[in-house]
Amino acid sequence: HGESRQWQKAVGLLQSLEAARAANIFSYGTAIRACQKCMQWQVAAEILAAMARSGVEANEVVVNAAMSGYEKAGAWQKAVRLLAAMPLKSFRPDTFSYSSATSACQRSFHWQEGLRSLPTMLAAGVTPSHVTFNASIKACERGGMWRLALLCFSDMLEMSCGPTLVTFSSLMSAFAAGTKWRPVLQLLEDMELSSIPCNTITCNTALSACAQSGRWKVACHLLASMLQSAVEPNAISFSATISACEGQWQVALRLLASMSAFETTPNEITFGSAISTCEKAGQWEAALQILTWSFLVRVEPNEITLNSCISACAKAGQWEMALQTLHQMLCQTLQADSVSFNSAINACGQGKQWELSLLILSEFPAVRLLPDIISYNASVSACASASLWQMAIALLEGIGRVRLSPNEISFNASLSALEKSAQWQLACQLLSEMRQVRVVPDVISYNSSISACEKGSQWQVALRLFGSLRSCSLFPSRVTYAAAISACEKSGQWRMALQLLSKMLASRMTPNEITFNAALKAAEKGAQWQLALHLLSSMSTYELEPTISSFSACVVACQRGRQRRAVSDLLALITAADLH
């Protein structure tokens, strides 16, 4: 009965023997093994308990059979308890006992418990087998402990326990999870030296490691090696290689197109990987073309794939295509999530469609979703891009009412709205409020506030904010200097503006066109024609092309300094450069 896995019949026969008081160690053992083979571990546990109640002494064989059942069912706690109880019953756990307990733990993702078995086993003088080591390495893989996995592998080799295909696969997976692509490739070579042939699974693990590390050239080379050898790549192989091609969307498209030549059919993961690669590269048109392709070959995209398409459209400000993809998602009865709606809000914001952003935000309850902080931040940013500071502030205040906490992005988006509308007083107030709610302002927060002061002709407040950066352990950026210099220039504080430029250059920070033009305007207002000419000629040092604004400021400065020759030369340069 046990051999035929007819566990019900075996249990029935055992019950008959028990009724006749004829059950013995052999009948109990046979019934337990029958249950173990059919993964009826609960029944096996009950038989083991009944055996103890009947006074029949168990032996190592019976206990190991029960242990094996627990392992296959992933009943790790029962396996560990049974292993611990064996010495109490005067049973000596053997290699099989420890291996089963370790395997039961790793199958149930309780890898820490599983790893305790190996040192206990060695301390007890029990020699581990390749099964024991494989289970331990697998436990390390489950826990993402590649260093421990490597130690187990070293112990395995020291004890002359030959590694198997399972050993290499588990060790490679542990390294892949830790984004250690070089050791994974080394293990592939070690497999060949050990005369263990690579298969599709091991090669896919190596490709996955390359994908997680962004090693697209190595992944493509490995895939080419698979195509030239007896190892047949599958959709997972191509998906992993395509995922490795982050920033190389054209290579990803070529790989996707080549699959048919190798009689491999793309699946939703393959298409999703290609679309994700295009999304990260900002290639929204290519992403949508791949989506159309997937429909043509009747591969239904999943939510993650469509979210990538919406995100690709959002990054390019293609709000209409983003909404169309979201509509398509809803029509296909796919479960649109917060990511889908947040990307759509962001797309509308990028496309200056703030009304649609707020409309989508209001639709969350209708689809049984709760807007998160990303939803509100995207909506605030949409209002900021349209210079709707009142609406942005209202949304910021609304975040707290829905039991969410505004973060750095929430405040910075609101400050951007205030900056665009020259609301310098509110910007300064909001900057101080950030610390009150335990949100630390960053340099972007200060940049927006300083720019708001610049637009509001508040150069002194701008300089106070600029000066307070150091006390907050922040360093001014090019944008910070440009905003402060411009604030001083617009308020006629040309000396202060030029001092800031000098400070910027002394800190070895490269100015941009905006900074130079602001400094030139300051020199113009101070009639500092020599300095203006020097600044204009210095632009080429930083590989910057003077604009019409640059020349105009310099011309006016020279005119005020009555430098007719210089004015004539500058006008000739403007004409030669065909600036308008």
Protein backbone atom coordinates (compact mmCIF):
# COMPACT_ATOMS: atom_id res chain seq x y z
CA HIS A 1 0.00 0.00 0.00
CA GLY A 2 2.81 2.40 0.86
CA GLU A 3 4.60 1.78 -2.42
CA SER A 4 1.44 2.42 -4.45
CA ARG A 5 0.83 5.69 -2.52
CA GLN A 6 -2.68 4.57 -1.64
CA TRP A 7 -2.49 6.33 1.66
CA GLN A 8 -6.19 6.01 2.43
CA LYS A 9 -6.01 2.23 2.07
CA ALA A 10 -2.82 2.11 4.11
CA VAL A 11 -4.43 4.12 6.91
CA GLY A 12 -7.55 1.98 6.74
CA LEU A 13 -5.50 -1.18 7.02
CA LEU A 14 -3.56 0.25 9.95
CA GLN A 15 -6.82 1.12 11.72
CA SER A 16 -7.98 -2.48 11.25
CA LEU A 17 -4.72 -3.76 12.72
CA GLU A 18 -5.03 -1.33 15.62
CA ALA A 19 -8.55 -2.56 16.32
CA ALA A 20 -7.22 -6.11 16.36
CA ARG A 21 -4.27 -4.95 18.51
CA ALA A 22 -1.96 -6.34 15.84
CA ALA A 23 -0.33 -3.08 14.74
CA ASN A 24 3.46 -3.08 14.99
CA ILE A 25 6.41 -0.92 14.03
CA PHE A 26 6.29 -2.22 10.44
CA SER A 27 2.57 -1.39 9.90
CA TYR A 28 2.94 2.07 11.45
CA GLY A 29 6.04 2.76 9.39
CA THR A 30 4.37 1.67 6.15
CA ALA A 31 1.34 3.90 6.80
CA ILE A 32 3.55 6.91 7.64
CA ARG A 33 5.63 6.41 4.46
CA ALA A 34 2.43 6.15 2.39
CA CYS A 35 1.17 9.44 3.84
CA GLN A 36 4.57 11.04 3.40
CA LYS A 37 4.69 10.16 -0.30
CA CYS A 38 1.27 11.70 -0.83
CA MET A 39 2.16 14.80 1.25
CA GLN A 40 -0.44 13.94 3.88
CA TRP A 41 1.85 15.19 6.64
CA GLN A 42 -0.98 15.92 9.08
CA VAL A 43 -2.20 12.34 8.85
CA ALA A 44 1.41 11.15 9.22
CA ALA A 45 1.75 13.25 12.38
CA GLU A 46 -1.46 11.77 13.77
CA ILE A 47 -0.20 8.23 13.06
CA LEU A 48 3.07 9.03 14.81
CA ALA A 49 1.13 10.29 17.85
CA ALA A 50 -1.16 7.22 17.79
CA MET A 51 1.91 5.02 17.64
CA ALA A 52 3.28 6.63 20.81
CA ARG A 53 -0.09 6.21 22.58
CA SER A 54 -0.24 2.53 21.66
CA GLY A 55 3.14 1.94 23.27
CA VAL A 56 4.87 0.91 20.03
CA GLU A 57 8.41 2.26 20.06
CA ALA A 58 9.33 4.23 16.96
CA ASN A 59 12.70 3.80 15.26
CA GLU A 60 14.91 6.05 13.15
CA VAL A 61 13.34 4.82 9.92
CA VAL A 62 9.82 5.77 11.00
CA VAL A 63 10.90 9.14 12.38
CA ASN A 64 12.83 9.93 9.18
CA ALA A 65 9.78 9.00 7.10
CA ALA A 66 7.70 11.47 9.11
CA MET A 67 10.48 14.05 8.80
CA SER A 68 10.47 13.64 5.03
CA GLY A 69 6.72 14.24 4.97
CA TYR A 70 7.11 17.44 6.97
CA GLU A 71 9.86 18.56 4.59
CA LYS A 72 7.77 18.05 1.46
CA ALA A 73 4.84 19.87 3.03
CA GLY A 74 7.05 22.70 4.30
CA ALA A 75 5.94 22.03 7.87
CA TRP A 76 9.21 23.41 9.20
CA GLN A 77 8.17 23.80 12.84
CA LYS A 78 7.09 20.17 13.13
CA ALA A 79 10.30 19.05 11.36
CA VAL A 80 12.50 21.07 13.73
CA ARG A 81 10.62 19.85 16.80
CA LEU A 82 10.87 16.23 15.67
CA LEU A 83 14.61 16.62 15.02
CA ALA A 84 15.12 18.11 18.50
CA ALA A 85 13.08 15.27 20.09
CA MET A 86 15.09 12.46 18.45
CA PRO A 87 17.98 12.42 21.01
CA LEU A 88 15.43 12.46 23.84
CA LYS A 89 14.05 9.19 22.44
CA SER A 90 17.59 7.78 22.24
CA PHE A 91 17.53 8.12 18.45
CA ARG A 92 20.62 9.43 16.73
CA PRO A 93 19.68 11.89 13.95
CA ASP A 94 21.45 10.96 10.73
CA THR A 95 22.29 12.84 7.55
CA PHE A 96 18.78 12.30 6.24
CA SER A 97 17.19 13.75 9.41
CA TYR A 98 19.23 16.95 9.32
CA SER A 99 18.82 17.36 5.55
CA SER A 100 15.05 17.00 5.78
CA ALA A 101 14.78 19.58 8.58
CA THR A 102 16.99 22.07 6.72
CA SER A 103 15.04 21.61 3.50
CA ALA A 104 11.70 22.04 5.32
CA CYS A 105 12.90 25.36 6.75
CA GLN A 106 14.17 26.77 3.47
CA ARG A 107 11.01 25.74 1.64
CA SER A 108 9.01 27.75 4.15
CA PHE A 109 11.38 30.74 3.86
CA HIS A 110 12.59 30.24 7.46
CA TRP A 111 16.18 30.17 6.28
CA GLN A 112 17.69 31.26 9.61
CA GLU A 113 16.26 28.17 11.33
CA GLY A 114 17.45 25.97 8.49
CA LEU A 115 21.03 27.19 8.71
CA ARG A 116 21.27 26.10 12.35
CA SER A 117 21.14 22.45 11.31
CA LEU A 118 24.52 22.31 9.56
CA PRO A 119 26.75 23.38 12.51
CA THR A 120 24.66 21.22 14.89
CA MET A 121 25.13 18.29 12.56
CA LEU A 122 28.90 18.75 12.34
CA ALA A 123 29.13 19.10 16.14
CA ALA A 124 27.24 15.81 16.50
CA GLY A 125 29.78 14.09 14.23
CA VAL A 126 27.27 13.45 11.44
CA THR A 127 28.73 13.80 7.95
CA PRO A 128 26.69 16.06 5.68
CA SER A 129 25.79 14.87 2.21
CA HIS A 130 25.38 16.92 -0.94
CA VAL A 131 21.64 17.02 -0.10
CA THR A 132 22.42 18.69 3.25
CA PHE A 133 24.76 21.24 1.69
CA ASN A 134 22.32 21.93 -1.13
CA ALA A 135 19.53 22.57 1.37
CA SER A 136 21.81 24.90 3.37
CA ILE A 137 22.91 26.83 0.28
CA LYS A 138 19.28 27.06 -0.80
CA ALA A 139 18.42 28.46 2.65
CA CYS A 140 21.15 31.10 2.18
CA GLU A 141 19.71 31.94 -1.22
CA ARG A 142 16.25 32.41 0.32
CA GLY A 143 17.70 34.81 2.86
CA GLY A 144 19.83 36.70 0.33
CA MET A 145 22.97 35.65 2.24
CA TRP A 146 25.40 35.06 -0.61
CA ARG A 147 28.46 35.21 1.67
CA LEU A 148 27.08 32.41 3.87
CA ALA A 149 26.19 30.43 0.74
CA LEU A 150 29.80 30.75 -0.41
CA LEU A 151 31.04 29.53 3.00
CA CYS A 152 28.76 26.49 2.77
CA PHE A 153 30.08 25.81 -0.72
CA SER A 154 33.70 26.06 0.54
CA ASP A 155 32.92 23.61 3.38
CA MET A 156 31.34 21.29 0.85
CA LEU A 157 34.49 21.23 -1.27
CA GLU A 158 36.76 20.81 1.79
CA MET A 159 34.76 17.74 2.83
CA SER A 160 35.16 16.28 -0.68
CA CYS A 161 31.40 16.39 -1.16
CA GLY A 162 30.92 16.81 -4.88
CA PRO A 163 28.68 19.70 -5.92
CA THR A 164 25.73 18.91 -8.15
CA LEU A 165 23.67 20.90 -10.63
CA VAL A 166 21.36 21.86 -7.73
CA THR A 167 24.36 23.16 -5.78
CA PHE A 168 25.53 25.42 -8.58
CA SER A 169 21.99 26.60 -9.35
CA SER A 170 21.30 27.56 -5.72
CA LEU A 171 24.68 29.26 -5.29
CA MET A 172 24.23 31.19 -8.54
CA SER A 173 20.77 32.31 -7.43
CA ALA A 174 22.23 33.54 -4.12
CA PHE A 175 24.84 35.60 -5.99
CA ALA A 176 22.27 36.85 -8.50
CA ALA A 177 20.04 38.08 -5.67
CA GLY A 178 23.04 40.02 -4.37
CA THR A 179 23.68 41.47 -7.87
CA LYS A 180 27.06 39.70 -7.98
CA TRP A 181 27.28 38.97 -11.68
CA ARG A 182 31.00 38.14 -11.87
CA PRO A 183 30.86 35.20 -9.39
CA VAL A 184 27.82 33.87 -11.26
CA LEU A 185 29.77 33.78 -14.54
CA GLN A 186 32.71 32.17 -12.71
CA LEU A 187 30.35 29.45 -11.45
CA LEU A 188 29.26 28.76 -15.02
CA GLU A 189 32.91 28.11 -15.89
CA ASP A 190 33.33 25.97 -12.75
CA MET A 191 30.36 23.86 -13.83
CA GLU A 192 32.07 23.16 -17.13
CA LEU A 193 35.32 22.18 -15.34
CA SER A 194 33.27 19.87 -13.08
CA SER A 195 31.71 18.24 -16.17
CA ILE A 196 28.28 19.43 -15.08
CA PRO A 197 26.46 20.68 -18.19
CA CYS A 198 24.78 24.06 -18.01
CA ASN A 199 21.08 24.14 -18.68
CA THR A 200 18.57 26.86 -19.48
CA ILE A 201 17.82 27.50 -15.81
CA THR A 202 21.45 28.12 -14.81
CA CYS A 203 22.06 30.35 -17.83
CA ASN A 204 18.87 32.29 -17.05
CA THR A 205 20.11 32.82 -13.49
CA ALA A 206 23.33 34.29 -14.91
CA LEU A 207 21.34 36.50 -17.28
CA SER A 208 19.19 37.66 -14.37
CA ALA A 209 22.34 38.62 -12.42
CA CYS A 210 23.54 40.65 -15.42
CA ALA A 211 20.12 42.30 -15.70
CA GLN A 212 20.11 43.35 -12.04
CA SER A 213 23.60 44.81 -12.46
CA GLY A 214 22.81 46.52 -15.77
CA ARG A 215 25.52 44.55 -17.62
CA TRP A 216 23.81 44.47 -20.99
CA LYS A 217 26.92 43.64 -23.05
CA VAL A 218 27.73 40.63 -20.83
CA ALA A 219 24.09 39.51 -20.98
CA CYS A 220 24.01 39.76 -24.79
CA HIS A 221 27.28 37.81 -25.03
CA LEU A 222 25.91 35.08 -22.75
CA LEU A 223 22.68 34.87 -24.75
CA ALA A 224 24.71 34.57 -27.96
CA SER A 225 26.72 31.74 -26.34
CA MET A 226 23.48 29.95 -25.50
CA LEU A 227 22.30 30.25 -29.10
CA GLN A 228 25.58 28.78 -30.35
CA SER A 229 25.53 25.87 -27.87
CA ALA A 230 23.10 23.09 -27.11
CA VAL A 231 21.38 25.17 -24.42
CA GLU A 232 18.12 26.49 -25.81
CA PRO A 233 17.09 29.96 -24.64
CA ASN A 234 13.46 30.52 -23.74
CA ALA A 235 11.28 33.58 -23.18
CA ILE A 236 12.84 34.05 -19.73
CA SER A 237 16.32 34.19 -21.30
CA PHE A 238 15.30 36.95 -23.70
CA SER A 239 13.33 38.79 -21.00
CA ALA A 240 16.34 38.90 -18.68
CA THR A 241 18.66 40.07 -21.47
CA ILE A 242 16.21 42.78 -22.51
CA SER A 243 15.92 43.90 -18.87
CA ALA A 244 19.70 44.25 -18.77
CA CYS A 245 19.53 46.71 -21.67
CA GLU A 246 18.57 49.70 -19.54
CA GLY A 247 19.49 52.79 -21.56
CA GLN A 248 19.95 50.60 -24.66
CA TRP A 249 16.38 50.52 -25.90
CA GLN A 250 17.36 49.93 -29.53
CA VAL A 251 19.30 46.78 -28.54
CA ALA A 252 16.24 45.66 -26.55
CA LEU A 253 14.04 46.08 -29.63
CA ARG A 254 16.44 44.07 -31.78
CA LEU A 255 16.45 41.27 -29.22
CA LEU A 256 12.66 41.24 -29.12
CA ALA A 257 12.48 41.13 -32.91
CA SER A 258 15.04 38.28 -33.10
CA MET A 259 13.04 35.90 -30.91
CA SER A 260 10.97 34.51 -33.79
CA ALA A 261 14.17 33.48 -35.61
CA PHE A 262 14.94 31.15 -32.71
CA GLU A 263 11.39 29.82 -32.48
CA THR A 264 10.84 31.54 -29.15
CA THR A 265 7.52 33.27 -28.58
CA PRO A 266 7.52 36.52 -26.60
CA ASN A 267 5.26 36.48 -23.56
CA GLU A 268 3.88 39.26 -21.38
CA ILE A 269 7.11 39.40 -19.36
CA THR A 270 9.24 39.79 -22.50
CA PHE A 271 7.04 42.57 -23.87
CA GLY A 272 6.91 44.16 -20.42
CA SER A 273 10.71 44.14 -20.12
CA ALA A 274 11.08 45.80 -23.54
CA ILE A 275 8.46 48.45 -22.71
CA SER A 276 10.12 49.11 -19.34
CA THR A 277 13.48 49.61 -21.11
CA CYS A 278 11.87 52.13 -23.49
CA GLU A 279 10.13 53.89 -20.60
CA LYS A 280 13.39 54.36 -18.71
CA ALA A 281 15.00 55.75 -21.88
CA GLY A 282 12.11 58.18 -22.40
CA GLN A 283 11.07 56.49 -25.67
CA TRP A 284 7.30 56.70 -25.34
CA GLU A 285 6.61 56.08 -29.04
CA ALA A 286 8.65 52.87 -29.04
CA ALA A 287 6.89 51.76 -25.84
CA LEU A 288 3.47 52.20 -27.45
CA GLN A 289 4.61 50.43 -30.63
CA ILE A 290 5.66 47.40 -28.58
CA LEU A 291 2.29 47.52 -26.79
CA THR A 292 0.51 47.43 -30.17
CA TRP A 293 2.77 44.56 -31.24
CA SER A 294 1.80 42.55 -28.15
CA PHE A 295 -1.89 42.97 -29.02
CA LEU A 296 -1.24 41.84 -32.59
CA VAL A 297 0.30 38.57 -31.41
CA ARG A 298 -2.49 38.19 -28.84
CA VAL A 299 -0.35 38.62 -25.75
CA GLU A 300 -2.39 40.50 -23.19
CA PRO A 301 -0.27 43.01 -21.25
CA ASN A 302 -0.43 43.08 -17.48
CA GLU A 303 -0.86 46.05 -15.18
CA ILE A 304 2.90 46.59 -14.77
CA THR A 305 3.41 46.79 -18.54
CA LEU A 306 0.60 49.29 -19.05
CA ASN A 307 1.85 51.33 -16.10
CA SER A 308 5.24 51.53 -17.82
CA CYS A 309 3.53 52.82 -20.98
CA ILE A 310 1.64 55.48 -19.03
CA SER A 311 4.86 56.47 -17.23
CA ALA A 312 6.73 56.73 -20.57
CA CYS A 313 4.02 59.05 -21.90
CA ALA A 314 4.09 61.06 -18.66
CA LYS A 315 7.83 61.69 -18.90
CA ALA A 316 7.38 63.06 -22.41
CA GLY A 317 4.34 65.14 -21.48
CA GLN A 318 2.15 63.05 -23.82
CA TRP A 319 -0.91 63.36 -21.63
CA GLU A 320 -3.41 62.33 -24.32
CA MET A 321 -1.61 59.03 -24.98
CA ALA A 322 -1.26 58.44 -21.23
CA LEU A 323 -5.01 58.86 -20.72
CA GLN A 324 -5.75 56.68 -23.74
CA THR A 325 -3.58 53.89 -22.28
CA LEU A 326 -5.27 54.27 -18.88
CA HIS A 327 -8.69 54.04 -20.58
CA GLN A 328 -7.51 50.95 -22.47
CA MET A 329 -6.42 49.44 -19.17
CA LEU A 330 -9.83 50.00 -17.58
CA CYS A 331 -11.65 48.63 -20.64
CA GLN A 332 -9.63 45.41 -20.41
CA THR A 333 -10.87 44.94 -16.85
CA LEU A 334 -7.28 45.13 -15.64
CA GLN A 335 -6.87 46.34 -12.08
CA ALA A 336 -5.58 49.88 -12.45
CA ASP A 337 -3.74 50.80 -9.28
CA SER A 338 -2.40 53.97 -7.68
CA VAL A 339 0.69 53.79 -9.90
CA SER A 340 -1.53 53.93 -13.01
CA PHE A 341 -3.49 56.95 -11.84
CA ASN A 342 -0.45 58.71 -10.42
CA SER A 343 1.38 58.38 -13.74
CA ALA A 344 -1.69 59.77 -15.53
CA ILE A 345 -1.82 62.73 -13.12
CA ASN A 346 1.87 63.34 -13.73
CA ALA A 347 1.37 63.16 -17.52
CA CYS A 348 -1.39 65.77 -17.37
CA GLY A 349 0.79 67.96 -15.18
CA GLN A 350 3.69 67.71 -17.63
CA GLY A 351 1.29 68.63 -20.42
CA LYS A 352 0.02 71.72 -18.55
CA GLN A 353 -3.40 70.07 -18.10
CA TRP A 354 -3.88 70.84 -14.42
CA GLU A 355 -7.67 70.54 -14.62
CA LEU A 356 -7.38 66.93 -15.81
CA SER A 357 -4.83 66.19 -13.07
CA LEU A 358 -7.30 67.30 -10.41
CA LEU A 359 -10.14 65.43 -12.14
CA ILE A 360 -8.14 62.18 -12.03
CA LEU A 361 -7.33 62.81 -8.36
CA SER A 362 -11.05 63.14 -7.65
CA GLU A 363 -11.74 59.82 -9.44
CA PHE A 364 -9.80 57.68 -6.96
CA PRO A 365 -12.83 56.84 -4.75
CA ALA A 366 -14.86 55.84 -7.83
CA VAL A 367 -12.36 53.05 -8.59
CA ARG A 368 -12.04 52.09 -4.92
CA LEU A 369 -8.54 53.48 -4.52
CA LEU A 370 -7.13 55.85 -1.95
CA PRO A 371 -4.83 58.58 -3.23
CA ASP A 372 -1.39 58.40 -1.65
CA ILE A 373 1.24 61.08 -1.11
CA ILE A 374 2.53 60.54 -4.68
CA SER A 375 -0.97 61.32 -6.02
CA TYR A 376 -1.10 64.60 -4.11
CA ASN A 377 2.49 65.53 -4.99
CA ALA A 378 1.81 65.00 -8.71
CA SER A 379 -1.34 67.14 -8.43
CA VAL A 380 0.51 69.92 -6.59
CA SER A 381 3.22 69.81 -9.27
CA ALA A 382 0.56 70.09 -11.98
CA CYS A 383 -0.81 73.23 -10.33
CA ALA A 384 2.73 74.58 -9.87
CA SER A 385 3.49 74.17 -13.58
CA ALA A 386 0.41 76.30 -14.32
CA SER A 387 1.46 78.91 -11.68
CA LEU A 388 -1.71 78.20 -9.68
CA TRP A 389 -0.23 78.82 -6.27
CA GLN A 390 -3.58 79.09 -4.44
CA MET A 391 -4.62 75.66 -5.72
CA ALA A 392 -1.21 74.18 -4.91
CA ILE A 393 -1.34 75.44 -1.32
CA ALA A 394 -4.92 74.19 -0.94
CA LEU A 395 -3.81 70.71 -2.01
CA LEU A 396 -0.83 70.85 0.35
CA GLU A 397 -3.15 71.68 3.23
CA GLY A 398 -5.52 68.91 2.11
CA ILE A 399 -2.80 66.27 2.50
CA GLY A 400 -3.06 66.43 6.28
CA ARG A 401 -6.85 66.17 6.19
CA VAL A 402 -6.66 62.75 4.51
CA ARG A 403 -4.24 61.52 7.19
CA LEU A 404 -1.15 61.68 5.00
CA SER A 405 2.08 63.44 5.86
CA PRO A 406 3.49 65.94 3.36
CA ASN A 407 7.09 65.25 2.45
CA GLU A 408 9.97 67.14 0.89
CA ILE A 409 8.48 66.74 -2.60
CA SER A 410 5.10 68.12 -1.46
CA PHE A 411 6.68 71.28 -0.05
CA ASN A 412 9.09 71.76 -2.94
CA ALA A 413 6.27 71.53 -5.49
CA SER A 414 4.29 74.12 -3.49
CA LEU A 415 7.34 76.38 -3.21
CA SER A 416 7.79 76.11 -6.98
CA ALA A 417 4.21 77.36 -7.45
CA LEU A 418 4.88 80.30 -5.10
CA GLU A 419 8.16 81.08 -6.85
CA LYS A 420 6.51 81.25 -10.28
CA SER A 421 3.97 83.73 -8.89
CA ALA A 422 6.56 85.84 -7.00
CA GLN A 423 4.87 85.03 -3.67
CA TRP A 424 8.06 85.53 -1.70
CA GLN A 425 6.45 86.10 1.70
CA LEU A 426 4.43 82.88 1.52
CA ALA A 427 7.50 81.04 0.22
CA CYS A 428 9.57 82.13 3.23
CA GLN A 429 6.71 81.23 5.56
CA LEU A 430 6.35 77.78 3.99
CA LEU A 431 10.11 77.23 4.21
CA SER A 432 9.99 77.82 7.98
CA GLU A 433 6.89 75.61 8.33
CA MET A 434 8.77 72.66 6.84
CA ARG A 435 10.90 72.25 9.94
CA GLN A 436 7.84 72.54 12.18
CA VAL A 437 6.42 69.35 10.60
CA ARG A 438 9.84 67.67 10.67
CA VAL A 439 10.50 67.93 6.95
CA VAL A 440 14.07 69.07 6.31
CA PRO A 441 14.37 71.64 3.49
CA ASP A 442 16.93 70.81 0.81
CA VAL A 443 18.78 73.05 -1.62
CA ILE A 444 15.80 72.87 -4.02
CA SER A 445 13.56 74.32 -1.29
CA TYR A 446 15.96 77.23 -0.83
CA ASN A 447 16.38 77.73 -4.59
CA SER A 448 12.63 78.19 -5.05
CA SER A 449 12.41 80.58 -2.08
CA ILE A 450 15.37 82.65 -3.30
CA SER A 451 13.88 82.76 -6.81
CA ALA A 452 10.56 83.95 -5.33
CA CYS A 453 12.47 86.77 -3.60
CA GLU A 454 14.22 87.58 -6.86
CA LYS A 455 10.90 87.89 -8.68
CA GLY A 456 9.55 89.97 -5.80
CA SER A 457 12.62 92.29 -5.88
CA GLN A 458 13.57 91.28 -2.34
CA TRP A 459 17.34 91.03 -2.71
CA GLN A 460 18.07 91.36 1.01
CA VAL A 461 15.74 88.48 1.93
CA ALA A 462 17.27 86.46 -0.91
CA LEU A 463 20.76 87.03 0.49
CA ARG A 464 19.64 86.12 4.01
CA LEU A 465 18.32 82.80 2.70
CA PHE A 466 21.50 82.30 0.69
CA GLY A 467 23.61 82.94 3.81
CA SER A 468 21.57 80.49 5.92
CA LEU A 469 22.39 77.52 3.69
CA ARG A 470 25.64 76.72 5.48
CA SER A 471 23.95 76.63 8.89
CA CYS A 472 21.63 73.95 7.47
CA SER A 473 24.62 71.90 6.21
CA LEU A 474 23.61 72.68 2.62
CA PHE A 475 25.76 73.92 -0.23
CA PRO A 476 24.55 76.38 -2.89
CA SER A 477 24.11 74.99 -6.38
CA ARG A 478 24.43 76.77 -9.73
CA VAL A 479 20.71 77.50 -9.55
CA THR A 480 21.14 79.04 -6.08
CA TYR A 481 23.91 81.37 -7.25
CA ALA A 482 22.00 82.29 -10.41
CA ALA A 483 18.86 83.19 -8.42
CA ALA A 484 20.81 85.23 -5.82
CA ILE A 485 22.86 87.06 -8.48
CA SER A 486 19.70 87.81 -10.46
CA ALA A 487 17.94 89.07 -7.30
CA CYS A 488 20.78 91.53 -6.66
CA GLU A 489 21.00 92.59 -10.30
CA LYS A 490 17.29 93.31 -10.64
CA SER A 491 17.37 95.44 -7.49
CA GLY A 492 20.33 97.45 -8.77
CA GLN A 493 22.78 95.84 -6.34
CA TRP A 494 25.40 95.29 -9.01
CA ARG A 495 28.37 95.15 -6.64
CA MET A 496 26.75 92.43 -4.56
CA ALA A 497 25.82 90.51 -7.73
CA LEU A 498 29.42 90.58 -8.96
CA GLN A 499 30.70 89.57 -5.53
CA LEU A 500 28.45 86.52 -5.64
CA LEU A 501 29.79 85.60 -9.09
CA SER A 502 33.34 85.95 -7.79
CA LYS A 503 32.45 83.70 -4.84
CA MET A 504 30.90 81.18 -7.19
CA LEU A 505 34.01 81.02 -9.38
CA ALA A 506 36.25 80.76 -6.29
CA SER A 507 34.28 77.67 -5.21
CA ARG A 508 35.14 76.11 -8.61
CA MET A 509 31.50 75.94 -9.59
CA THR A 510 30.81 76.31 -13.31
CA PRO A 511 28.37 79.13 -14.08
CA ASN A 512 25.77 78.74 -16.81
CA GLU A 513 24.34 81.20 -19.36
CA ILE A 514 21.71 82.49 -16.92
CA THR A 515 24.37 83.29 -14.31
CA PHE A 516 26.63 85.07 -16.82
CA ASN A 517 23.74 87.08 -18.26
CA ALA A 518 22.66 88.16 -14.76
CA ALA A 519 26.25 89.21 -13.97
CA LEU A 520 26.51 91.07 -17.31
CA LYS A 521 23.28 92.92 -16.51
CA ALA A 522 24.78 93.87 -13.13
CA ALA A 523 27.95 95.13 -14.84
CA GLU A 524 25.76 97.08 -17.28
CA LYS A 525 23.88 98.81 -14.46
CA GLY A 526 27.16 99.69 -12.77
CA ALA A 527 28.66 100.93 -16.07
CA GLN A 528 31.49 98.45 -15.52
CA TRP A 529 32.37 98.11 -19.21
CA GLN A 530 35.77 96.48 -18.65
CA LEU A 531 34.28 93.85 -16.38
CA ALA A 532 31.44 93.29 -18.86
CA LEU A 533 33.91 92.65 -21.70
CA HIS A 534 35.90 90.31 -19.46
CA LEU A 535 32.75 88.34 -18.52
CA LEU A 536 31.69 88.09 -22.17
CA SER A 537 35.07 86.75 -23.24
CA SER A 538 35.11 84.34 -20.25
CA MET A 539 31.96 82.56 -21.43
CA SER A 540 33.92 80.60 -24.03
CA THR A 541 36.18 79.27 -21.23
CA TYR A 542 33.14 77.45 -19.87
CA GLU A 543 32.04 76.35 -23.36
CA LEU A 544 29.08 78.73 -23.31
CA GLU A 545 27.80 80.62 -26.34
CA PRO A 546 26.92 84.29 -25.65
CA THR A 547 23.28 85.09 -26.41
CA ILE A 548 21.78 88.32 -27.70
CA SER A 549 21.10 89.23 -24.05
CA SER A 550 24.81 88.76 -23.24
CA PHE A 551 25.92 91.08 -26.06
CA SER A 552 23.16 93.62 -25.35
CA ALA A 553 24.21 94.01 -21.70
CA CYS A 554 27.82 94.39 -22.75
CA VAL A 555 26.95 96.98 -25.44
CA VAL A 556 24.98 99.09 -22.94
CA ALA A 557 27.82 98.87 -20.39
CA CYS A 558 30.29 100.11 -23.01
CA GLN A 559 27.92 102.86 -24.13
CA ARG A 560 27.64 104.08 -20.53
CA GLY A 561 31.40 104.03 -20.31
CA ARG A 562 31.61 105.92 -23.64
CA GLN A 563 33.61 103.18 -25.29
CA ARG A 564 32.56 103.74 -28.89
CA ARG A 565 35.20 101.46 -30.37
CA ALA A 566 34.14 98.58 -28.14
CA VAL A 567 30.47 99.18 -29.00
CA SER A 568 31.30 99.08 -32.71
CA ASP A 569 33.25 95.84 -32.31
CA LEU A 570 30.43 94.24 -30.32
CA LEU A 571 27.81 95.21 -32.91
CA ALA A 572 30.00 93.68 -35.60
CA LEU A 573 30.22 90.47 -33.60
CA ILE A 574 26.43 90.39 -33.20
CA THR A 575 26.00 90.79 -36.96
CA ALA A 576 28.61 88.09 -37.70
CA ALA A 577 27.00 85.68 -35.26
CA ASP A 578 23.58 86.37 -36.85
CA LEU A 579 22.00 86.97 -33.44
CA HIS A 580 18.56 88.50 -33.25
